[in-house]
């Protein structure tokens, strides 16, 4: 699977956006869907968990879906199977206000969702890990 065609400088610009809704954030500390948001919180990002099966994770209120969030969102970072992505982009488009980037984590891509997001003015990153990209671009060690 290829990744999107963003340059490093474009990805760095995305990391200037601080409010990140994480769809599929897990309570399981072993999963990347827990480790990545925890890393982002540790680096000053406002992570907003989205998971209908939990009420709180990483000490933060968890929302059932993106549309239910009443805070500002800049980036939606998604940990869901590729086939689940169309439902996620539909949810994102209900909220839409201010959302600039739809980021599908490593191994995740859906062409229809990419097209819908772009048609609605939302930039799309796919098959990239936010934690790996942040470490690579900002040369930070854990």
C-alpha atoms as a PDB file:
ATOM      1  CA  UNK A   1       0.000   0.000   0.000  1.00  0.00           C
ATOM      2  CA  UNK A   2       1.314   3.429  -0.932  1.00  0.00           C
ATOM      3  CA  UNK A   3       1.101   6.494   1.271  1.00  0.00           C
ATOM      4  CA  UNK A   4      -0.264   9.900   0.310  1.00  0.00           C
ATOM      5  CA  UNK A   5       2.000  12.295  -1.581  1.00  0.00           C
ATOM      6  CA  UNK A   6       2.477  14.933   1.117  1.00  0.00           C
ATOM      7  CA  UNK A   7       5.991  16.354   1.429  1.00  0.00           C
ATOM      8  CA  UNK A   8       7.734  16.409   4.807  1.00  0.00           C
ATOM      9  CA  UNK A   9       7.114  20.156   5.054  1.00  0.00           C
ATOM     10  CA  UNK A  10       3.376  19.616   4.463  1.00  0.00           C
ATOM     11  CA  UNK A  11       3.260  16.935   7.175  1.00  0.00           C
ATOM     12  CA  UNK A  12       5.153  19.279   9.527  1.00  0.00           C
ATOM     13  CA  UNK A  13       2.470  21.917   8.887  1.00  0.00           C
ATOM     14  CA  UNK A  14      -0.211  19.400   9.861  1.00  0.00           C
ATOM     15  CA  UNK A  15       1.596  18.876  13.172  1.00  0.00           C
ATOM     16  CA  UNK A  16       1.105  22.596  13.910  1.00  0.00           C
ATOM     17  CA  UNK A  17      -2.595  21.755  14.357  1.00  0.00           C
ATOM     18  CA  UNK A  18      -3.118  20.834  17.998  1.00  0.00           C
ATOM     19  CA  UNK A  19      -6.684  19.487  18.358  1.00  0.00           C
ATOM     20  CA  UNK A  20      -6.822  15.844  17.309  1.00  0.00           C
ATOM     21  CA  UNK A  21      -9.885  13.597  17.514  1.00  0.00           C
ATOM     22  CA  UNK A  22      -8.687   9.977  17.598  1.00  0.00           C
ATOM     23  CA  UNK A  23     -11.304   7.561  16.245  1.00  0.00           C
ATOM     24  CA  UNK A  24     -10.906   4.044  17.621  1.00  0.00           C
ATOM     25  CA  UNK A  25      -8.722   5.049  20.580  1.00  0.00           C
ATOM     26  CA  UNK A  26      -8.300   1.939  22.735  1.00  0.00           C
ATOM     27  CA  UNK A  27      -8.064   1.432  26.497  1.00  0.00           C
ATOM     28  CA  UNK A  28      -5.663  -1.458  25.801  1.00  0.00           C
ATOM     29  CA  UNK A  29      -2.180  -0.079  26.520  1.00  0.00           C
ATOM     30  CA  UNK A  30      -0.600  -2.686  24.214  1.00  0.00           C
ATOM     31  CA  UNK A  31      -2.329  -1.360  21.094  1.00  0.00           C
ATOM     32  CA  UNK A  32      -0.992   1.393  18.829  1.00  0.00           C
ATOM     33  CA  UNK A  33      -4.465   2.962  19.094  1.00  0.00           C
ATOM     34  CA  UNK A  34      -3.585   3.668  22.760  1.00  0.00           C
ATOM     35  CA  UNK A  35       0.158   4.304  22.422  1.00  0.00           C
ATOM     36  CA  UNK A  36      -0.053   6.862  19.588  1.00  0.00           C
ATOM     37  CA  UNK A  37      -2.592   9.170  21.282  1.00  0.00           C
ATOM     38  CA  UNK A  38      -0.676   8.873  24.575  1.00  0.00           C
ATOM     39  CA  UNK A  39       2.483   9.965  22.722  1.00  0.00           C
ATOM     40  CA  UNK A  40       0.611  12.897  21.129  1.00  0.00           C
ATOM     41  CA  UNK A  41      -0.713  14.019  24.542  1.00  0.00           C
ATOM     42  CA  UNK A  42       2.852  13.852  25.864  1.00  0.00           C
ATOM     43  CA  UNK A  43       3.910  16.199  23.073  1.00  0.00           C
ATOM     44  CA  UNK A  44       1.336  18.874  23.825  1.00  0.00           C
ATOM     45  CA  UNK A  45      -1.547  17.839  21.592  1.00  0.00           C
ATOM     46  CA  UNK A  46      -5.180  18.061  22.697  1.00  0.00           C
ATOM     47  CA  UNK A  47      -6.355  14.517  22.005  1.00  0.00           C
ATOM     48  CA  UNK A  48     -10.115  13.957  21.954  1.00  0.00           C
ATOM     49  CA  UNK A  49     -10.958  10.227  22.191  1.00  0.00           C
ATOM     50  CA  UNK A  50     -13.711   8.766  19.985  1.00  0.00           C
ATOM     51  CA  UNK A  51     -14.906   5.272  20.868  1.00  0.00           C
ATOM     52  CA  UNK A  52     -18.555   4.335  21.493  1.00  0.00           C
ATOM     53  CA  UNK A  53     -17.577   1.477  23.838  1.00  0.00           C
ATOM     54  CA  UNK A  54     -15.805   3.561  26.526  1.00  0.00           C
ATOM     55  CA  UNK A  55     -16.662   6.735  28.454  1.00  0.00           C
ATOM     56  CA  UNK A  56     -13.149   7.815  29.404  1.00  0.00           C
ATOM     57  CA  UNK A  57      -9.630   6.947  28.307  1.00  0.00           C
ATOM     58  CA  UNK A  58      -6.232   8.518  29.078  1.00  0.00           C
ATOM     59  CA  UNK A  59      -8.056  10.699  31.619  1.00  0.00           C
ATOM     60  CA  UNK A  60     -10.211  12.288  28.931  1.00  0.00           C
ATOM     61  CA  UNK A  61     -13.905  12.140  28.116  1.00  0.00           C
ATOM     62  CA  UNK A  62     -14.560   9.754  25.259  1.00  0.00           C
ATOM     63  CA  UNK A  63     -17.168  10.610  22.624  1.00  0.00           C
ATOM     64  CA  UNK A  64     -19.299   8.033  20.754  1.00  0.00           C
ATOM     65  CA  UNK A  65     -18.584   9.709  17.397  1.00  0.00           C
ATOM     66  CA  UNK A  66     -16.938  12.773  15.883  1.00  0.00           C
ATOM     67  CA  UNK A  67     -20.240  14.604  15.351  1.00  0.00           C
ATOM     68  CA  UNK A  68     -20.899  14.481  19.129  1.00  0.00           C
ATOM     69  CA  UNK A  69     -17.728  16.419  19.979  1.00  0.00           C
ATOM     70  CA  UNK A  70     -18.423  19.974  21.081  1.00  0.00           C
ATOM     71  CA  UNK A  71     -14.772  21.052  21.015  1.00  0.00           C
ATOM     72  CA  UNK A  72     -12.725  22.379  18.129  1.00  0.00           C
ATOM     73  CA  UNK A  73     -11.172  19.647  15.973  1.00  0.00           C
ATOM     74  CA  UNK A  74      -8.336  20.266  13.514  1.00  0.00           C
ATOM     75  CA  UNK A  75      -7.343  16.691  12.657  1.00  0.00           C
ATOM     76  CA  UNK A  76      -9.257  13.403  12.756  1.00  0.00           C
ATOM     77  CA  UNK A  77      -6.802  10.517  13.234  1.00  0.00           C
ATOM     78  CA  UNK A  78      -8.396   7.150  12.468  1.00  0.00           C
ATOM     79  CA  UNK A  79      -7.627   3.672  13.836  1.00  0.00           C
ATOM     80  CA  UNK A  80     -10.300   1.639  12.066  1.00  0.00           C
ATOM     81  CA  UNK A  81     -10.262  -1.015   9.351  1.00  0.00           C
ATOM     82  CA  UNK A  82     -10.232   0.356   5.808  1.00  0.00           C
ATOM     83  CA  UNK A  83     -13.738  -1.007   5.195  1.00  0.00           C
ATOM     84  CA  UNK A  84     -15.032   0.982   8.213  1.00  0.00           C
ATOM     85  CA  UNK A  85     -13.661   4.278   6.892  1.00  0.00           C
ATOM     86  CA  UNK A  86     -16.710   5.327   4.778  1.00  0.00           C
ATOM     87  CA  UNK A  87     -18.861   5.459   7.942  1.00  0.00           C
ATOM     88  CA  UNK A  88     -16.152   7.472   9.700  1.00  0.00           C
ATOM     89  CA  UNK A  89     -15.910  10.075   6.924  1.00  0.00           C
ATOM     90  CA  UNK A  90     -19.733  10.402   6.917  1.00  0.00           C
ATOM     91  CA  UNK A  91     -19.557  11.099  10.664  1.00  0.00           C
ATOM     92  CA  UNK A  92     -16.728  13.619  10.137  1.00  0.00           C
ATOM     93  CA  UNK A  93     -18.710  15.428   7.443  1.00  0.00           C
ATOM     94  CA  UNK A  94     -21.599  15.900   9.906  1.00  0.00           C
ATOM     95  CA  UNK A  95     -19.204  17.864  12.140  1.00  0.00           C
ATOM     96  CA  UNK A  96     -16.953  19.299   9.424  1.00  0.00           C
ATOM     97  CA  UNK A  97     -16.590  22.785  10.945  1.00  0.00           C
ATOM     98  CA  UNK A  98     -12.894  23.494  11.236  1.00  0.00           C
ATOM     99  CA  UNK A  99     -11.696  19.961  10.463  1.00  0.00           C
ATOM    100  CA  UNK A 100      -8.685  20.393   8.202  1.00  0.00           C
ATOM    101  CA  UNK A 101      -7.154  16.917   8.002  1.00  0.00           C
ATOM    102  CA  UNK A 102      -8.455  13.344   7.845  1.00  0.00           C
ATOM    103  CA  UNK A 103      -5.521  11.075   8.793  1.00  0.00           C
ATOM    104  CA  UNK A 104      -5.769   7.311   8.268  1.00  0.00           C
ATOM    105  CA  UNK A 105      -3.152   5.428  10.274  1.00  0.00           C
ATOM    106  CA  UNK A 106      -0.608   2.907   8.962  1.00  0.00           C
ATOM    107  CA  UNK A 107      -2.244   0.207   6.819  1.00  0.00           C
ATOM    108  CA  UNK A 108      -5.501   2.137   6.400  1.00  0.00           C
ATOM    109  CA  UNK A 109      -6.877   3.596   3.178  1.00  0.00           C
ATOM    110  CA  UNK A 110     -10.230   4.069   1.511  1.00  0.00           C
ATOM    111  CA  UNK A 111     -10.452   5.761  -1.885  1.00  0.00           C
ATOM    112  CA  UNK A 112     -14.110   6.805  -1.590  1.00  0.00           C
ATOM    113  CA  UNK A 113     -13.479   8.396   1.808  1.00  0.00           C
ATOM    114  CA  UNK A 114     -10.445  10.242   0.431  1.00  0.00           C
ATOM    115  CA  UNK A 115     -12.516  11.643  -2.430  1.00  0.00           C
ATOM    116  CA  UNK A 116     -15.384  12.709  -0.132  1.00  0.00           C
ATOM    117  CA  UNK A 117     -13.023  14.406   2.297  1.00  0.00           C
ATOM    118  CA  UNK A 118     -11.234  16.310  -0.461  1.00  0.00           C
ATOM    119  CA  UNK A 119     -14.553  17.345  -2.059  1.00  0.00           C
ATOM    120  CA  UNK A 120     -15.398  18.904   1.295  1.00  0.00           C
ATOM    121  CA  UNK A 121     -12.092  20.760   1.627  1.00  0.00           C
ATOM    122  CA  UNK A 122     -10.468  18.325   4.048  1.00  0.00           C
ATOM    123  CA  UNK A 123      -6.871  17.283   3.404  1.00  0.00           C
ATOM    124  CA  UNK A 124      -6.191  13.518   3.523  1.00  0.00           C
ATOM    125  CA  UNK A 125      -3.189  11.628   4.884  1.00  0.00           C
ATOM    126  CA  UNK A 126      -3.159   7.831   4.697  1.00  0.00           C
ATOM    127  CA  UNK A 127      -1.037   4.796   5.506  1.00  0.00           C
ATOM    128  CA  UNK A 128       1.094   6.819   7.930  1.00  0.00           C
ATOM    129  CA  UNK A 129       1.468   6.655  11.700  1.00  0.00           C
ATOM    130  CA  UNK A 130       1.184  10.026  13.465  1.00  0.00           C
ATOM    131  CA  UNK A 131       3.685   8.957  16.132  1.00  0.00           C
ATOM    132  CA  UNK A 132       6.254   7.601  13.655  1.00  0.00           C
ATOM    133  CA  UNK A 133       5.922  10.680  11.446  1.00  0.00           C
ATOM    134  CA  UNK A 134       6.262  13.038  14.418  1.00  0.00           C
ATOM    135  CA  UNK A 135       9.376  11.222  15.654  1.00  0.00           C
ATOM    136  CA  UNK A 136      10.881  11.152  12.149  1.00  0.00           C
ATOM    137  CA  UNK A 137      10.228  14.813  11.371  1.00  0.00           C
ATOM    138  CA  UNK A 138      10.990  16.316  14.735  1.00  0.00           C
ATOM    139  CA  UNK A 139      13.861  13.920  15.554  1.00  0.00           C
ATOM    140  CA  UNK A 140      12.625  13.174  19.051  1.00  0.00           C
ATOM    141  CA  UNK A 141      13.397  10.191  21.193  1.00  0.00           C
ATOM    142  CA  UNK A 142      10.842   8.774  23.600  1.00  0.00           C
END
